[in-house]
N, C-alpha and C. Protein backbone atom coordinates (compact mmCIF):
# COMPACT_ATOMS: atom_id res chain seq x y z
N MET A 1 -39.17 -46.89 -68.58
CA MET A 1 -38.12 -47.66 -69.23
C MET A 1 -38.47 -49.29 -68.82
N ARG A 2 -39.22 -49.51 -67.91
CA ARG A 2 -39.50 -50.76 -67.54
C ARG A 2 -40.22 -51.62 -68.59
N TYR A 3 -41.15 -50.93 -69.29
CA TYR A 3 -41.83 -51.55 -70.35
C TYR A 3 -41.38 -50.97 -71.80
N ALA A 4 -40.46 -50.41 -71.93
CA ALA A 4 -40.06 -49.88 -73.19
C ALA A 4 -39.86 -50.95 -74.19
N ASN A 5 -39.09 -51.94 -73.75
CA ASN A 5 -39.03 -53.16 -74.70
C ASN A 5 -40.18 -53.65 -75.18
N ILE A 6 -41.16 -53.77 -74.50
CA ILE A 6 -42.77 -54.34 -74.86
C ILE A 6 -43.27 -53.51 -76.04
N THR A 7 -43.22 -52.06 -75.76
CA THR A 7 -43.54 -51.14 -76.65
C THR A 7 -42.95 -51.22 -78.06
N ILE A 8 -41.58 -51.37 -77.98
CA ILE A 8 -40.81 -51.40 -79.26
C ILE A 8 -41.08 -52.75 -80.01
N ILE A 9 -41.14 -53.81 -79.12
CA ILE A 9 -41.50 -55.18 -79.89
C ILE A 9 -42.94 -54.98 -80.52
N GLU A 10 -43.97 -54.47 -79.95
CA GLU A 10 -45.35 -54.14 -80.39
C GLU A 10 -45.30 -53.48 -81.52
N GLY A 11 -44.37 -52.41 -81.61
CA GLY A 11 -44.42 -51.63 -82.88
C GLY A 11 -43.50 -51.83 -83.94
N HIS A 12 -42.49 -52.61 -83.48
CA HIS A 12 -41.42 -52.98 -84.75
C HIS A 12 -41.10 -54.32 -84.61
N ASP A 13 -41.65 -55.23 -83.93
CA ASP A 13 -41.50 -56.76 -83.75
C ASP A 13 -40.14 -56.93 -83.20
N PRO A 14 -39.06 -56.94 -83.82
CA PRO A 14 -37.79 -57.42 -83.19
C PRO A 14 -37.15 -56.48 -82.12
N SER A 15 -36.68 -57.00 -81.00
CA SER A 15 -36.10 -56.25 -79.84
C SER A 15 -34.94 -55.49 -80.41
N GLN A 16 -34.17 -55.91 -81.17
CA GLN A 16 -32.91 -55.43 -81.51
C GLN A 16 -32.96 -53.86 -81.92
N TYR A 17 -34.19 -53.39 -82.31
CA TYR A 17 -34.35 -52.00 -82.33
C TYR A 17 -34.06 -51.19 -81.00
N GLY A 18 -34.66 -51.81 -79.82
CA GLY A 18 -34.54 -51.44 -78.57
C GLY A 18 -32.95 -51.40 -78.18
N ILE A 19 -32.23 -52.23 -78.43
CA ILE A 19 -30.78 -52.31 -78.25
C ILE A 19 -30.10 -51.18 -79.04
N GLY A 20 -30.50 -50.95 -80.24
CA GLY A 20 -29.95 -50.08 -81.01
C GLY A 20 -30.14 -48.52 -80.67
N ILE A 21 -31.40 -48.41 -80.31
CA ILE A 21 -31.85 -47.05 -79.68
C ILE A 21 -31.05 -46.57 -78.57
N VAL A 22 -30.99 -47.51 -77.48
CA VAL A 22 -30.18 -47.39 -76.14
C VAL A 22 -28.78 -47.22 -76.42
N SER A 23 -28.20 -47.93 -77.33
CA SER A 23 -26.77 -47.69 -77.72
C SER A 23 -26.66 -46.36 -78.25
N ALA A 24 -27.45 -45.86 -79.23
CA ALA A 24 -27.40 -44.51 -79.80
C ALA A 24 -27.57 -43.53 -78.70
N ARG A 25 -28.48 -43.54 -77.75
CA ARG A 25 -28.67 -42.66 -76.82
C ARG A 25 -27.25 -42.54 -75.87
N ILE A 26 -26.94 -43.59 -75.46
CA ILE A 26 -25.49 -43.65 -74.74
C ILE A 26 -24.29 -42.94 -75.48
N ALA A 27 -24.48 -43.14 -76.85
CA ALA A 27 -23.32 -42.69 -77.48
C ALA A 27 -23.53 -41.08 -77.52
N GLU A 28 -24.78 -40.56 -77.84
CA GLU A 28 -25.07 -39.25 -77.48
C GLU A 28 -24.69 -38.63 -76.27
N MET A 29 -25.01 -39.36 -75.28
CA MET A 29 -24.60 -38.79 -74.07
C MET A 29 -23.10 -38.56 -73.85
N VAL A 30 -22.31 -39.41 -74.30
CA VAL A 30 -20.83 -39.28 -74.34
C VAL A 30 -20.40 -38.22 -75.27
N LEU A 31 -20.80 -38.15 -76.40
CA LEU A 31 -20.42 -37.32 -77.51
C LEU A 31 -20.70 -35.82 -77.22
N ARG A 32 -21.80 -35.55 -76.56
CA ARG A 32 -22.30 -34.36 -76.10
C ARG A 32 -21.86 -33.90 -74.73
N ASP A 33 -21.25 -34.94 -73.98
CA ASP A 33 -20.70 -34.56 -72.67
C ASP A 33 -22.07 -34.23 -71.77
N GLU A 34 -23.10 -34.92 -71.88
CA GLU A 34 -24.39 -34.60 -71.30
C GLU A 34 -24.60 -34.65 -69.78
N ARG A 35 -23.77 -35.66 -69.23
CA ARG A 35 -23.70 -35.90 -67.73
C ARG A 35 -25.14 -36.22 -67.39
N ALA A 36 -25.67 -37.31 -68.14
CA ALA A 36 -27.10 -37.65 -67.89
C ALA A 36 -27.15 -38.86 -66.81
N ALA A 37 -27.87 -38.78 -66.08
CA ALA A 37 -28.06 -39.85 -64.89
C ALA A 37 -28.92 -40.92 -65.58
N ILE A 38 -28.35 -42.05 -65.51
CA ILE A 38 -28.95 -43.36 -66.04
C ILE A 38 -28.60 -44.49 -65.34
N PRO A 39 -29.43 -45.66 -65.29
CA PRO A 39 -28.97 -46.95 -64.92
C PRO A 39 -28.02 -47.56 -65.82
N ILE A 40 -26.70 -47.79 -65.54
CA ILE A 40 -25.83 -48.31 -66.44
C ILE A 40 -24.79 -49.25 -65.98
N GLY A 41 -24.34 -50.26 -66.49
CA GLY A 41 -23.34 -51.21 -65.99
C GLY A 41 -21.94 -50.54 -65.99
N SER A 42 -21.19 -50.64 -64.99
CA SER A 42 -19.90 -50.13 -64.82
C SER A 42 -19.13 -50.95 -63.62
N TYR A 43 -17.84 -50.96 -63.73
CA TYR A 43 -16.94 -51.75 -62.86
C TYR A 43 -17.14 -51.02 -61.50
N HIS A 44 -17.46 -51.55 -60.43
CA HIS A 44 -17.31 -50.99 -59.13
C HIS A 44 -16.18 -51.64 -58.13
N ARG A 45 -15.08 -50.79 -58.03
CA ARG A 45 -13.97 -51.38 -57.22
C ARG A 45 -14.33 -51.96 -56.02
N ALA A 46 -15.07 -51.12 -55.24
CA ALA A 46 -15.54 -51.62 -53.83
C ALA A 46 -16.18 -52.80 -53.72
N LEU A 47 -17.14 -53.35 -54.75
CA LEU A 47 -17.67 -54.45 -54.83
C LEU A 47 -17.00 -55.57 -55.72
N GLY A 48 -16.01 -55.07 -56.44
CA GLY A 48 -15.12 -56.03 -57.15
C GLY A 48 -15.75 -56.59 -58.56
N VAL A 49 -16.95 -56.06 -59.09
CA VAL A 49 -17.69 -56.51 -60.04
C VAL A 49 -18.12 -55.42 -60.91
N THR A 50 -18.79 -55.79 -62.03
CA THR A 50 -19.58 -54.77 -62.85
C THR A 50 -21.01 -54.95 -62.60
N LEU A 51 -21.58 -53.99 -62.48
CA LEU A 51 -23.07 -54.12 -62.27
C LEU A 51 -23.66 -52.85 -62.53
N SER A 52 -24.97 -52.72 -62.67
CA SER A 52 -25.64 -51.63 -62.95
C SER A 52 -26.25 -50.91 -61.72
N LEU A 53 -25.83 -49.61 -61.65
CA LEU A 53 -26.30 -48.73 -60.45
C LEU A 53 -26.60 -47.42 -61.28
N PRO A 54 -27.29 -46.41 -60.85
CA PRO A 54 -27.48 -45.11 -61.27
C PRO A 54 -26.37 -44.47 -61.45
N SER A 55 -25.78 -43.88 -62.59
CA SER A 55 -24.58 -43.31 -62.80
C SER A 55 -24.81 -42.18 -63.65
N VAL A 56 -23.82 -41.16 -63.55
CA VAL A 56 -23.70 -39.87 -64.57
C VAL A 56 -22.76 -40.49 -65.60
N VAL A 57 -23.34 -40.11 -66.84
CA VAL A 57 -22.42 -40.51 -67.99
C VAL A 57 -22.39 -39.18 -68.60
N GLY A 58 -20.85 -38.99 -69.11
CA GLY A 58 -20.36 -38.01 -70.03
C GLY A 58 -19.40 -38.34 -70.89
N ARG A 59 -18.56 -37.31 -71.23
CA ARG A 59 -17.53 -37.67 -72.32
C ARG A 59 -16.56 -38.63 -71.94
N ASP A 60 -16.42 -38.63 -70.46
CA ASP A 60 -15.32 -39.65 -70.08
C ASP A 60 -16.04 -40.98 -69.66
N GLY A 61 -17.16 -41.42 -69.98
CA GLY A 61 -17.97 -42.48 -69.53
C GLY A 61 -18.62 -42.15 -68.36
N VAL A 62 -18.65 -43.24 -67.54
CA VAL A 62 -19.38 -43.09 -66.13
C VAL A 62 -18.32 -42.09 -65.23
N VAL A 63 -18.92 -41.11 -64.87
CA VAL A 63 -18.07 -40.04 -64.19
C VAL A 63 -18.38 -40.00 -62.82
N ALA A 64 -19.63 -40.64 -62.50
CA ALA A 64 -19.90 -40.55 -60.98
C ALA A 64 -21.17 -41.76 -60.77
N VAL A 65 -21.07 -42.26 -59.88
CA VAL A 65 -21.99 -43.39 -59.43
C VAL A 65 -22.80 -42.87 -58.42
N LEU A 66 -24.05 -42.79 -58.59
CA LEU A 66 -24.95 -42.24 -57.47
C LEU A 66 -25.36 -43.44 -56.43
N GLN A 67 -25.22 -43.06 -55.31
CA GLN A 67 -25.31 -43.96 -54.17
C GLN A 67 -26.73 -43.74 -53.67
N PRO A 68 -27.73 -44.59 -53.84
CA PRO A 68 -28.92 -44.26 -53.48
C PRO A 68 -29.17 -44.83 -51.99
N ASP A 69 -30.01 -44.15 -51.17
CA ASP A 69 -30.30 -44.53 -49.86
C ASP A 69 -30.73 -45.97 -49.89
N MET A 70 -30.26 -46.80 -49.11
CA MET A 70 -30.65 -48.17 -48.99
C MET A 70 -30.75 -48.63 -47.51
N THR A 71 -31.70 -49.46 -47.28
CA THR A 71 -31.85 -50.11 -45.86
C THR A 71 -30.69 -50.97 -45.79
N PRO A 72 -30.37 -51.48 -44.59
CA PRO A 72 -29.35 -52.47 -44.28
C PRO A 72 -29.70 -53.71 -45.23
N GLU A 73 -30.92 -54.03 -45.17
CA GLU A 73 -31.18 -55.16 -46.00
C GLU A 73 -31.09 -55.06 -47.48
N GLU A 74 -31.25 -54.04 -48.06
CA GLU A 74 -31.05 -53.68 -49.56
C GLU A 74 -29.59 -53.79 -49.86
N ARG A 75 -28.75 -52.92 -48.93
CA ARG A 75 -27.33 -53.03 -49.01
C ARG A 75 -26.81 -54.39 -48.87
N SER A 76 -27.21 -55.23 -48.15
CA SER A 76 -26.77 -56.58 -47.96
C SER A 76 -27.07 -57.47 -49.28
N GLY A 77 -28.34 -57.08 -49.75
CA GLY A 77 -28.66 -57.74 -51.04
C GLY A 77 -27.82 -57.45 -52.29
N LEU A 78 -27.39 -56.28 -52.07
CA LEU A 78 -26.42 -55.69 -53.20
C LEU A 78 -25.24 -56.48 -53.03
N GLN A 79 -24.80 -56.67 -52.02
CA GLN A 79 -23.32 -57.25 -51.52
C GLN A 79 -23.44 -58.77 -52.11
N LYS A 80 -24.68 -59.37 -51.61
CA LYS A 80 -24.93 -60.70 -51.89
C LYS A 80 -24.87 -60.82 -53.53
N SER A 81 -25.59 -59.90 -54.26
CA SER A 81 -25.55 -59.98 -55.81
C SER A 81 -24.13 -60.01 -56.17
N ALA A 82 -23.42 -59.05 -55.74
CA ALA A 82 -22.09 -58.93 -56.23
C ALA A 82 -21.33 -59.98 -55.96
N GLN A 83 -21.34 -60.76 -54.78
CA GLN A 83 -20.80 -62.07 -54.40
C GLN A 83 -21.20 -62.85 -55.42
N SER A 84 -22.42 -63.30 -55.75
CA SER A 84 -22.87 -64.12 -56.74
C SER A 84 -22.18 -64.05 -58.15
N LEU A 85 -22.03 -62.56 -58.44
CA LEU A 85 -21.49 -62.36 -59.82
C LEU A 85 -19.98 -62.88 -59.75
N LYS A 86 -19.33 -62.69 -58.65
CA LYS A 86 -17.96 -63.01 -58.49
C LYS A 86 -17.78 -64.43 -58.57
N ASN A 87 -18.71 -65.06 -57.80
CA ASN A 87 -18.53 -66.53 -57.83
C ASN A 87 -18.72 -67.10 -59.20
N ALA A 88 -19.66 -66.68 -59.87
CA ALA A 88 -20.01 -67.13 -61.23
C ALA A 88 -18.76 -66.90 -62.25
N LEU A 89 -18.23 -65.68 -62.03
CA LEU A 89 -16.97 -65.36 -62.72
C LEU A 89 -15.72 -66.50 -62.35
N GLN A 90 -15.67 -66.60 -61.33
CA GLN A 90 -14.67 -67.54 -60.81
C GLN A 90 -14.96 -69.03 -61.24
N SER A 91 -16.29 -69.28 -61.31
CA SER A 91 -16.36 -70.79 -61.90
C SER A 91 -16.15 -70.99 -63.24
N ILE A 92 -16.25 -69.76 -64.11
CA ILE A 92 -15.75 -70.08 -65.57
C ILE A 92 -14.51 -69.90 -65.90
N ARG A 93 -13.76 -69.33 -64.78
CA ARG A 93 -12.40 -69.24 -65.11
C ARG A 93 -11.57 -70.27 -64.64
N THR A 94 -12.26 -71.36 -63.91
CA THR A 94 -11.40 -72.42 -63.27
C THR A 94 -11.68 -73.56 -64.17
């Protein structure tokens, strides 16, 4: 997935094909209730923001968020990222 966009650009030029392919794939997961595990953005109440974490996607949207094992430093980094997002949102609301 990391280099998929480069492959799409090299093969088709514009990257909007990549956006369309990903959107179609997510629609398939929902319509077929695939319960596929993918990194996808969703709202996380505990963190108070929307961000991407590995999640299971099915007919009801994100049905589970997979909690990867994290070191204390990684967990702290995730919380700092969430706080940065909250701060950015607050700055555009005021």
